[in-house]
Amino acid sequence: MPDSKSAIRCTGRRKTAIASVRLIPGSGQIVVNERPLEDYFPRDTARMRILEPFQVTETAGQFDAIVSVRGGGTSAQADAVRHGISRALLASSESLRAALRKNGMLTRDPREVERKKYGRHKARKRPQYSKR
């Protein structure tokens, strides 16, 4: 485990959201874009997803997280923060890899929005076919 002066920096991504996470040994306080976690993510499900890596690895209350997140929507941002925290926990202790990998927290979700094509309403939706 790193000493109190060192911080672990990692990046998490989801869709177009990018989260830069700094993990410091502390009391479990999480700050997102210079605001408390509860203010930035008012939905319980988003906060639950962010705190999941700490619960799975049983490190809740051992680290403070300072997060800078941009791009995407609130759900994608929450998942990007989760990915960044998972990577930072892995950097702090390699023994946590099995628990994080088992719960799918180290894999970056590759799904992106497909671009709209010309002649179509959306990416794949076609105009209605008319026989006559």
C-alpha atoms as a PDB file:
ATOM      1  CA  MET A   1       0.000   0.000   0.000  1.00  0.00           C
ATOM      2  CA  PRO A   2       1.325   3.493  -0.827  1.00  0.00           C
ATOM      3  CA  ASP A   3       2.466   5.869   1.897  1.00  0.00           C
ATOM      4  CA  SER A   4       0.378   8.921   2.838  1.00  0.00           C
ATOM      5  CA  LYS A   5       2.285  11.290   0.518  1.00  0.00           C
ATOM      6  CA  SER A   6       1.733   9.279  -2.654  1.00  0.00           C
ATOM      7  CA  ALA A   7      -1.444   9.296  -4.671  1.00  0.00           C
ATOM      8  CA  ILE A   8      -2.505   6.774  -7.296  1.00  0.00           C
ATOM      9  CA  ARG A   9      -3.755   8.277 -10.563  1.00  0.00           C
ATOM     10  CA  CYS A  10      -5.873   6.297 -13.027  1.00  0.00           C
ATOM     11  CA  THR A  11      -8.293   6.971 -15.872  1.00  0.00           C
ATOM     12  CA  GLY A  12     -11.705   5.404 -16.386  1.00  0.00           C
ATOM     13  CA  ARG A  13     -13.808   5.577 -19.532  1.00  0.00           C
ATOM     14  CA  ARG A  14     -17.372   4.797 -20.634  1.00  0.00           C
ATOM     15  CA  LYS A  15     -19.017   5.969 -23.893  1.00  0.00           C
ATOM     16  CA  THR A  16     -17.698   9.558 -24.245  1.00  0.00           C
ATOM     17  CA  ALA A  17     -17.173  10.125 -20.502  1.00  0.00           C
ATOM     18  CA  ILE A  18     -13.612  10.273 -19.154  1.00  0.00           C
ATOM     19  CA  ALA A  19     -12.862  10.214 -15.431  1.00  0.00           C
ATOM     20  CA  SER A  20      -9.479  11.030 -13.918  1.00  0.00           C
ATOM     21  CA  VAL A  21      -9.257   9.457 -10.449  1.00  0.00           C
ATOM     22  CA  ARG A  22      -6.745  10.240  -7.682  1.00  0.00           C
ATOM     23  CA  LEU A  23      -6.783   7.708  -4.850  1.00  0.00           C
ATOM     24  CA  ILE A  24      -5.227   8.770  -1.527  1.00  0.00           C
ATOM     25  CA  PRO A  25      -5.182   6.767   1.713  1.00  0.00           C
ATOM     26  CA  GLY A  26      -7.821   8.366   3.934  1.00  0.00           C
ATOM     27  CA  SER A  27     -11.262   8.055   5.454  1.00  0.00           C
ATOM     28  CA  GLY A  28     -13.441   7.204   2.432  1.00  0.00           C
ATOM     29  CA  GLN A  29     -14.406  10.699   1.258  1.00  0.00           C
ATOM     30  CA  ILE A  30     -15.173  11.078  -2.471  1.00  0.00           C
ATOM     31  CA  VAL A  31     -15.088  14.450  -4.249  1.00  0.00           C
ATOM     32  CA  VAL A  32     -16.275  14.712  -7.876  1.00  0.00           C
ATOM     33  CA  ASN A  33     -15.452  17.901  -9.817  1.00  0.00           C
ATOM     34  CA  GLU A  34     -14.808  19.720  -6.514  1.00  0.00           C
ATOM     35  CA  ARG A  35     -18.271  18.770  -5.203  1.00  0.00           C
ATOM     36  CA  PRO A  36     -19.286  16.046  -2.726  1.00  0.00           C
ATOM     37  CA  LEU A  37     -20.409  12.752  -4.260  1.00  0.00           C
ATOM     38  CA  GLU A  38     -24.010  13.233  -3.049  1.00  0.00           C
ATOM     39  CA  ASP A  39     -24.256  16.652  -4.762  1.00  0.00           C
ATOM     40  CA  TYR A  40     -22.770  15.607  -8.096  1.00  0.00           C
ATOM     41  CA  PHE A  41     -24.611  12.267  -8.354  1.00  0.00           C
ATOM     42  CA  PRO A  42     -28.018  12.708  -6.655  1.00  0.00           C
ATOM     43  CA  ARG A  43     -29.325   9.326  -7.878  1.00  0.00           C
ATOM     44  CA  ASP A  44     -28.791   6.385  -5.534  1.00  0.00           C
ATOM     45  CA  THR A  45     -28.035   3.973  -8.380  1.00  0.00           C
ATOM     46  CA  ALA A  46     -25.147   6.115  -9.664  1.00  0.00           C
ATOM     47  CA  ARG A  47     -23.638   6.405  -6.172  1.00  0.00           C
ATOM     48  CA  MET A  48     -24.085   2.654  -5.655  1.00  0.00           C
ATOM     49  CA  ARG A  49     -22.177   1.899  -8.902  1.00  0.00           C
ATOM     50  CA  ILE A  50     -19.349   4.246  -7.884  1.00  0.00           C
ATOM     51  CA  LEU A  51     -18.955   2.716  -4.401  1.00  0.00           C
ATOM     52  CA  GLU A  52     -19.159  -0.869  -5.707  1.00  0.00           C
ATOM     53  CA  PRO A  53     -15.380  -1.388  -6.202  1.00  0.00           C
ATOM     54  CA  PHE A  54     -14.727  -0.441  -2.559  1.00  0.00           C
ATOM     55  CA  GLN A  55     -17.403  -2.864  -1.318  1.00  0.00           C
ATOM     56  CA  VAL A  56     -16.264  -5.759  -3.514  1.00  0.00           C
ATOM     57  CA  THR A  57     -12.627  -5.387  -2.417  1.00  0.00           C
ATOM     58  CA  GLU A  58     -13.571  -4.599   1.210  1.00  0.00           C
ATOM     59  CA  THR A  59     -11.573  -1.353   1.146  1.00  0.00           C
ATOM     60  CA  ALA A  60     -14.470   0.973   2.055  1.00  0.00           C
ATOM     61  CA  GLY A  61     -13.261   3.836   4.237  1.00  0.00           C
ATOM     62  CA  GLN A  62      -9.560   3.249   3.486  1.00  0.00           C
ATOM     63  CA  PHE A  63      -9.145   5.638   0.527  1.00  0.00           C
ATOM     64  CA  ASP A  64     -10.196   9.169  -0.388  1.00  0.00           C
ATOM     65  CA  ALA A  65     -10.994   9.686  -4.066  1.00  0.00           C
ATOM     66  CA  ILE A  66     -10.599  12.989  -5.890  1.00  0.00           C
ATOM     67  CA  VAL A  67     -12.284  12.672  -9.272  1.00  0.00           C
ATOM     68  CA  SER A  68     -12.421  14.915 -12.319  1.00  0.00           C
ATOM     69  CA  VAL A  69     -14.991  13.740 -14.871  1.00  0.00           C
ATOM     70  CA  ARG A  70     -16.144  15.224 -18.183  1.00  0.00           C
ATOM     71  CA  GLY A  71     -18.181  14.236 -21.230  1.00  0.00           C
ATOM     72  CA  GLY A  72     -21.146  11.907 -21.594  1.00  0.00           C
ATOM     73  CA  GLY A  73     -24.252  11.777 -19.441  1.00  0.00           C
ATOM     74  CA  THR A  74     -24.596  11.146 -15.728  1.00  0.00           C
ATOM     75  CA  SER A  75     -24.861   7.361 -16.069  1.00  0.00           C
ATOM     76  CA  ALA A  76     -21.807   7.124 -18.328  1.00  0.00           C
ATOM     77  CA  GLN A  77     -19.887   9.432 -15.989  1.00  0.00           C
ATOM     78  CA  ALA A  78     -20.751   7.233 -13.001  1.00  0.00           C
ATOM     79  CA  ASP A  79     -19.513   4.146 -14.850  1.00  0.00           C
ATOM     80  CA  ALA A  80     -16.330   5.980 -15.915  1.00  0.00           C
ATOM     81  CA  VAL A  81     -15.647   6.900 -12.265  1.00  0.00           C
ATOM     82  CA  ARG A  82     -16.270   3.266 -11.267  1.00  0.00           C
ATOM     83  CA  HIS A  83     -13.792   2.065 -13.904  1.00  0.00           C
ATOM     84  CA  GLY A  84     -11.173   4.595 -12.766  1.00  0.00           C
ATOM     85  CA  ILE A  85     -11.558   3.670  -9.091  1.00  0.00           C
ATOM     86  CA  SER A  86     -11.250  -0.028  -9.964  1.00  0.00           C
ATOM     87  CA  ARG A  87      -8.027   0.582 -11.894  1.00  0.00           C
ATOM     88  CA  ALA A  88      -6.621   2.704  -9.061  1.00  0.00           C
ATOM     89  CA  LEU A  89      -7.433   0.026  -6.467  1.00  0.00           C
ATOM     90  CA  LEU A  90      -5.672  -2.517  -8.667  1.00  0.00           C
ATOM     91  CA  ALA A  91      -2.609  -0.235  -8.823  1.00  0.00           C
ATOM     92  CA  SER A  92      -2.622   0.020  -5.021  1.00  0.00           C
ATOM     93  CA  SER A  93      -2.702  -3.747  -4.498  1.00  0.00           C
ATOM     94  CA  GLU A  94      -2.386  -6.475  -7.130  1.00  0.00           C
ATOM     95  CA  SER A  95      -4.136  -8.947  -4.795  1.00  0.00           C
ATOM     96  CA  LEU A  96      -7.481  -7.208  -5.508  1.00  0.00           C
ATOM     97  CA  ARG A  97      -7.401  -8.229  -9.193  1.00  0.00           C
ATOM     98  CA  ALA A  98      -9.409 -11.449  -8.747  1.00  0.00           C
ATOM     99  CA  ALA A  99     -12.320  -9.761  -6.961  1.00  0.00           C
ATOM    100  CA  LEU A 100     -12.437  -6.837  -9.416  1.00  0.00           C
ATOM    101  CA  ARG A 101     -12.144  -9.097 -12.470  1.00  0.00           C
ATOM    102  CA  LYS A 102     -14.857 -11.450 -11.199  1.00  0.00           C
ATOM    103  CA  ASN A 103     -17.320  -8.542 -10.949  1.00  0.00           C
ATOM    104  CA  GLY A 104     -16.327  -7.141 -14.376  1.00  0.00           C
ATOM    105  CA  MET A 105     -14.974  -3.839 -13.086  1.00  0.00           C
ATOM    106  CA  LEU A 106     -11.650  -3.854 -14.926  1.00  0.00           C
ATOM    107  CA  THR A 107     -13.103  -4.329 -18.417  1.00  0.00           C
ATOM    108  CA  ARG A 108     -13.801  -1.116 -20.303  1.00  0.00           C
ATOM    109  CA  ASP A 109     -17.299  -1.237 -21.813  1.00  0.00           C
ATOM    110  CA  PRO A 110     -16.566  -0.802 -25.557  1.00  0.00           C
ATOM    111  CA  ARG A 111     -20.099   0.108 -26.636  1.00  0.00           C
ATOM    112  CA  GLU A 112     -20.313   3.521 -28.323  1.00  0.00           C
ATOM    113  CA  VAL A 113     -23.122   5.327 -30.136  1.00  0.00           C
ATOM    114  CA  GLU A 114     -23.270   4.305 -33.791  1.00  0.00           C
ATOM    115  CA  ARG A 115     -23.161   7.187 -36.250  1.00  0.00           C
ATOM    116  CA  LYS A 116     -26.200   8.191 -38.302  1.00  0.00           C
ATOM    117  CA  LYS A 117     -26.058   7.208 -41.980  1.00  0.00           C
ATOM    118  CA  TYR A 118     -27.477   9.243 -44.849  1.00  0.00           C
ATOM    119  CA  GLY A 119     -30.779   7.989 -46.254  1.00  0.00           C
ATOM    120  CA  ARG A 120     -31.735   6.624 -42.826  1.00  0.00           C
ATOM    121  CA  HIS A 121     -33.757   8.146 -39.998  1.00  0.00           C
ATOM    122  CA  LYS A 122     -31.235   7.079 -37.359  1.00  0.00           C
ATOM    123  CA  ALA A 123     -28.181   4.814 -37.447  1.00  0.00           C
ATOM    124  CA  ARG A 124     -30.157   1.787 -38.662  1.00  0.00           C
ATOM    125  CA  LYS A 125     -33.825   2.782 -38.925  1.00  0.00           C
ATOM    126  CA  ARG A 126     -34.908   2.899 -42.551  1.00  0.00           C
ATOM    127  CA  PRO A 127     -37.741   4.861 -44.192  1.00  0.00           C
ATOM    128  CA  GLN A 128     -40.987   2.907 -44.535  1.00  0.00           C
ATOM    129  CA  TYR A 129     -41.042   0.615 -47.577  1.00  0.00           C
ATOM    130  CA  SER A 130     -43.786   1.300 -50.076  1.00  0.00           C
ATOM    131  CA  LYS A 131     -44.536  -1.392 -52.669  1.00  0.00           C
ATOM    132  CA  ARG A 132     -46.718   0.906 -54.851  1.00  0.00           C
END
